[in-house]
């Protein structure tokens, strides 16, 4: 996994935490990364990829959530210790 892929994943996790949504990885391969909302009826999704002949990740598709939040999350399931460390030391 390249450093830019990690940055994209961290950005998606930060976005999910700020919107209080939970997602699951749908496609995770070297050129593509797609996450979807855990609610099966919700179309919420984010897709990013590396375009041909390029080295930078681009987010090309963001579908907004239409699911209703039941309550505020205290412990976000997508939060990783590496992201916490990065946020503390940057």
N, C-alpha and C. Protein backbone atom coordinates (compact mmCIF):
# COMPACT_ATOMS: atom_id res chain seq x y z
N UNK A 1 0.83 -1.18 0.00
CA UNK A 1 0.00 0.00 0.00
C UNK A 1 0.88 1.25 0.00
N UNK A 2 0.58 2.17 -0.85
CA UNK A 2 1.37 3.39 -0.93
C UNK A 2 0.91 4.40 0.11
N UNK A 3 1.75 5.37 0.35
CA UNK A 3 1.43 6.40 1.34
C UNK A 3 0.18 7.19 0.95
N UNK A 4 -0.02 7.43 -0.32
CA UNK A 4 -1.20 8.19 -0.75
C UNK A 4 -2.48 7.41 -0.52
N UNK A 5 -2.42 6.09 -0.60
CA UNK A 5 -3.59 5.26 -0.31
C UNK A 5 -3.95 5.39 1.17
N UNK A 6 -2.95 5.41 2.04
CA UNK A 6 -3.20 5.58 3.47
C UNK A 6 -3.82 6.95 3.74
N UNK A 7 -3.33 7.97 3.06
CA UNK A 7 -3.89 9.31 3.26
C UNK A 7 -5.35 9.37 2.83
N UNK A 8 -5.68 8.69 1.74
CA UNK A 8 -7.07 8.64 1.30
C UNK A 8 -7.93 7.93 2.33
N UNK A 9 -7.45 6.81 2.86
CA UNK A 9 -8.20 6.07 3.87
C UNK A 9 -8.40 6.91 5.13
N UNK A 10 -7.35 7.62 5.57
CA UNK A 10 -7.48 8.48 6.75
C UNK A 10 -8.48 9.60 6.50
N UNK A 11 -8.47 10.17 5.30
CA UNK A 11 -9.43 11.23 4.98
C UNK A 11 -10.86 10.70 5.02
N UNK A 12 -11.07 9.49 4.52
CA UNK A 12 -12.41 8.90 4.54
C UNK A 12 -12.84 8.62 5.98
N UNK A 13 -11.91 8.14 6.82
CA UNK A 13 -12.24 7.89 8.23
C UNK A 13 -12.59 9.19 8.94
N UNK A 14 -11.81 10.24 8.69
CA UNK A 14 -12.12 11.55 9.30
C UNK A 14 -13.50 12.04 8.85
N UNK A 15 -13.81 11.87 7.58
CA UNK A 15 -15.12 12.27 7.06
C UNK A 15 -16.22 11.48 7.74
N UNK A 16 -16.02 10.17 7.88
CA UNK A 16 -17.04 9.32 8.52
C UNK A 16 -17.24 9.72 9.98
N UNK A 17 -16.15 10.05 10.66
CA UNK A 17 -16.27 10.47 12.06
C UNK A 17 -16.98 11.81 12.16
N UNK A 18 -16.68 12.73 11.26
CA UNK A 18 -17.31 14.06 11.34
C UNK A 18 -18.79 14.01 11.01
N UNK A 19 -19.20 13.06 10.18
CA UNK A 19 -20.62 12.94 9.84
C UNK A 19 -21.34 11.91 10.71
N UNK A 20 -20.59 11.30 11.65
CA UNK A 20 -21.15 10.30 12.57
C UNK A 20 -21.77 9.12 11.81
N UNK A 21 -21.10 8.67 10.77
CA UNK A 21 -21.56 7.53 9.97
C UNK A 21 -20.55 6.40 10.08
N UNK A 22 -21.03 5.19 9.88
CA UNK A 22 -20.16 4.01 9.90
C UNK A 22 -20.16 3.43 8.49
N UNK A 23 -18.98 3.06 8.01
CA UNK A 23 -18.86 2.51 6.67
C UNK A 23 -18.12 1.19 6.73
N UNK A 24 -18.18 0.47 5.63
CA UNK A 24 -17.38 -0.75 5.46
C UNK A 24 -16.68 -0.66 4.12
N UNK A 25 -15.53 -1.28 4.05
CA UNK A 25 -14.77 -1.29 2.81
C UNK A 25 -15.46 -2.20 1.81
N UNK A 26 -15.73 -1.68 0.64
CA UNK A 26 -16.40 -2.46 -0.40
C UNK A 26 -15.37 -3.00 -1.40
N UNK A 27 -14.50 -2.11 -1.89
CA UNK A 27 -13.42 -2.50 -2.80
C UNK A 27 -12.14 -1.87 -2.29
N UNK A 28 -11.12 -2.67 -2.08
CA UNK A 28 -9.83 -2.15 -1.66
C UNK A 28 -8.75 -2.89 -2.44
N UNK A 29 -8.29 -2.25 -3.50
CA UNK A 29 -7.24 -2.82 -4.33
C UNK A 29 -6.23 -1.72 -4.61
N UNK A 30 -5.06 -2.05 -5.15
CA UNK A 30 -4.06 -1.00 -5.38
C UNK A 30 -4.56 0.21 -6.18
N UNK A 31 -5.36 0.05 -7.26
CA UNK A 31 -5.79 1.26 -7.97
C UNK A 31 -7.16 1.80 -7.55
N UNK A 32 -7.93 1.07 -6.73
CA UNK A 32 -9.30 1.49 -6.38
C UNK A 32 -9.55 1.36 -4.89
N UNK A 33 -10.42 2.25 -4.38
CA UNK A 33 -10.84 2.18 -2.98
C UNK A 33 -12.27 2.69 -2.90
N UNK A 34 -13.19 1.84 -2.44
CA UNK A 34 -14.60 2.21 -2.32
C UNK A 34 -15.10 1.77 -0.96
N UNK A 35 -15.80 2.68 -0.27
CA UNK A 35 -16.44 2.34 1.00
C UNK A 35 -17.92 2.64 0.88
N UNK A 36 -18.73 1.84 1.58
CA UNK A 36 -20.18 2.02 1.56
C UNK A 36 -20.69 2.10 2.99
N UNK A 37 -21.87 2.69 3.14
CA UNK A 37 -22.54 2.77 4.43
C UNK A 37 -22.91 1.36 4.90
N UNK A 38 -22.89 1.14 6.22
CA UNK A 38 -23.23 -0.19 6.74
C UNK A 38 -24.73 -0.47 6.66
N UNK A 39 -25.54 0.58 6.57
CA UNK A 39 -26.98 0.39 6.41
C UNK A 39 -27.24 -0.09 4.98
N UNK A 40 -27.88 -1.23 4.84
CA UNK A 40 -28.05 -1.82 3.50
C UNK A 40 -28.95 -0.99 2.59
N UNK A 41 -29.90 -0.26 3.16
CA UNK A 41 -30.80 0.53 2.32
C UNK A 41 -30.24 1.90 1.96
N UNK A 42 -29.11 2.27 2.55
CA UNK A 42 -28.51 3.59 2.30
C UNK A 42 -27.55 3.53 1.11
N UNK A 43 -27.66 4.48 0.17
CA UNK A 43 -26.76 4.47 -0.98
C UNK A 43 -25.41 5.15 -0.70
N UNK A 44 -25.18 5.63 0.53
CA UNK A 44 -23.97 6.37 0.85
C UNK A 44 -22.70 5.62 0.49
N UNK A 45 -21.83 6.29 -0.29
CA UNK A 45 -20.60 5.64 -0.74
C UNK A 45 -19.58 6.68 -1.16
N UNK A 46 -18.31 6.33 -1.04
CA UNK A 46 -17.20 7.16 -1.51
C UNK A 46 -16.28 6.26 -2.33
N UNK A 47 -15.90 6.73 -3.52
CA UNK A 47 -15.01 5.96 -4.39
C UNK A 47 -13.83 6.83 -4.80
N UNK A 48 -12.64 6.27 -4.66
CA UNK A 48 -11.43 6.95 -5.11
C UNK A 48 -10.57 5.99 -5.91
N UNK A 49 -9.76 6.53 -6.80
CA UNK A 49 -8.88 5.69 -7.60
C UNK A 49 -7.69 6.50 -8.08
N UNK A 50 -6.71 5.79 -8.60
CA UNK A 50 -5.55 6.42 -9.23
C UNK A 50 -5.78 6.39 -10.73
N UNK A 51 -5.93 7.56 -11.37
CA UNK A 51 -6.14 7.57 -12.82
C UNK A 51 -4.94 6.97 -13.57
N UNK A 52 -5.21 6.49 -14.76
CA UNK A 52 -4.16 5.92 -15.60
C UNK A 52 -3.10 6.99 -15.88
N UNK A 53 -1.85 6.61 -15.79
CA UNK A 53 -0.69 7.48 -16.02
C UNK A 53 -0.58 8.59 -14.97
N UNK A 54 -1.09 8.35 -13.78
CA UNK A 54 -0.99 9.33 -12.70
C UNK A 54 -0.56 8.61 -11.43
N UNK A 55 -0.13 9.37 -10.42
CA UNK A 55 0.31 8.77 -9.17
C UNK A 55 -0.52 9.24 -7.98
N UNK A 56 -1.40 10.20 -8.17
CA UNK A 56 -2.19 10.76 -7.08
C UNK A 56 -3.59 10.18 -7.07
N UNK A 57 -4.10 9.94 -5.87
CA UNK A 57 -5.47 9.44 -5.71
C UNK A 57 -6.47 10.55 -5.94
N UNK A 58 -7.58 10.22 -6.57
CA UNK A 58 -8.65 11.17 -6.86
C UNK A 58 -9.97 10.57 -6.38
N UNK A 59 -10.74 11.37 -5.63
CA UNK A 59 -12.08 10.93 -5.24
C UNK A 59 -13.01 11.31 -6.37
N UNK A 60 -13.65 10.32 -6.98
CA UNK A 60 -14.46 10.58 -8.16
C UNK A 60 -15.96 10.45 -7.93
N UNK A 61 -16.36 9.82 -6.84
CA UNK A 61 -17.78 9.61 -6.62
C UNK A 61 -18.09 9.67 -5.13
N UNK A 62 -18.95 10.61 -4.75
CA UNK A 62 -19.43 10.70 -3.37
C UNK A 62 -20.95 10.71 -3.43
N UNK A 63 -21.56 9.66 -2.92
CA UNK A 63 -23.02 9.55 -2.88
C UNK A 63 -23.44 9.84 -1.44
N UNK A 64 -24.27 10.85 -1.20
CA UNK A 64 -24.64 11.20 0.17
C UNK A 64 -25.52 10.14 0.83
N UNK A 65 -25.46 10.14 2.15
CA UNK A 65 -26.29 9.21 2.94
C UNK A 65 -27.74 9.68 2.94
N UNK A 66 -28.66 8.73 3.03
CA UNK A 66 -30.06 9.07 3.27
C UNK A 66 -30.60 8.30 4.48
N UNK A 67 -29.71 7.58 5.17
CA UNK A 67 -30.13 6.85 6.37
C UNK A 67 -30.21 7.82 7.55
N UNK A 68 -31.04 7.48 8.51
CA UNK A 68 -31.25 8.33 9.68
C UNK A 68 -30.32 7.85 10.79
N UNK A 69 -29.61 8.82 11.40
CA UNK A 69 -28.76 8.47 12.54
C UNK A 69 -29.64 8.21 13.75
N UNK A 70 -29.43 7.08 14.38
CA UNK A 70 -30.25 6.72 15.54
C UNK A 70 -29.79 7.44 16.80
N UNK A 71 -28.49 7.57 16.99
CA UNK A 71 -27.92 8.29 18.12
C UNK A 71 -26.49 8.67 17.79
N UNK A 72 -25.91 9.54 18.60
CA UNK A 72 -24.54 9.96 18.36
C UNK A 72 -23.58 8.87 18.80
N UNK A 73 -22.52 8.70 18.03
CA UNK A 73 -21.53 7.68 18.34
C UNK A 73 -20.52 8.22 19.35
N UNK A 74 -20.25 7.46 20.39
CA UNK A 74 -19.22 7.83 21.35
C UNK A 74 -17.90 7.18 20.94
N UNK A 75 -17.94 5.93 20.58
CA UNK A 75 -16.77 5.20 20.09
C UNK A 75 -17.02 4.83 18.64
N UNK A 76 -16.31 5.49 17.74
CA UNK A 76 -16.53 5.25 16.31
C UNK A 76 -15.83 3.96 15.90
N UNK A 77 -16.53 3.00 15.30
CA UNK A 77 -15.93 1.71 14.94
C UNK A 77 -14.84 1.80 13.87
N UNK A 78 -14.82 2.84 13.06
CA UNK A 78 -13.81 2.96 12.02
C UNK A 78 -12.55 3.68 12.49
N UNK A 79 -12.50 4.08 13.75
CA UNK A 79 -11.36 4.80 14.28
C UNK A 79 -10.19 3.84 14.50
N UNK A 80 -9.00 4.22 14.02
CA UNK A 80 -7.82 3.37 14.15
C UNK A 80 -6.76 4.08 14.99
N UNK A 81 -5.96 3.31 15.69
CA UNK A 81 -4.92 3.89 16.55
C UNK A 81 -3.88 4.65 15.73
N UNK A 82 -3.61 4.21 14.51
CA UNK A 82 -2.65 4.93 13.67
C UNK A 82 -3.16 6.31 13.30
N UNK A 83 -4.46 6.43 13.08
CA UNK A 83 -5.04 7.74 12.77
C UNK A 83 -4.97 8.64 13.99
N UNK A 84 -5.26 8.12 15.16
CA UNK A 84 -5.17 8.92 16.39
C UNK A 84 -3.75 9.42 16.59
N UNK A 85 -2.76 8.55 16.40
CA UNK A 85 -1.36 8.95 16.53
C UNK A 85 -1.00 10.02 15.52
N UNK A 86 -1.46 9.88 14.29
CA UNK A 86 -1.16 10.88 13.26
C UNK A 86 -1.78 12.22 13.63
N UNK A 87 -3.01 12.22 14.13
CA UNK A 87 -3.67 13.47 14.50
C UNK A 87 -2.99 14.13 15.69
N UNK A 88 -2.47 13.34 16.61
CA UNK A 88 -1.81 13.89 17.80
C UNK A 88 -0.46 14.51 17.48
N UNK A 89 0.24 13.96 16.51
CA UNK A 89 1.60 14.40 16.23
C UNK A 89 1.74 15.23 14.97
N UNK A 90 0.63 15.74 14.43
CA UNK A 90 0.73 16.64 13.27
C UNK A 90 0.15 17.98 13.60
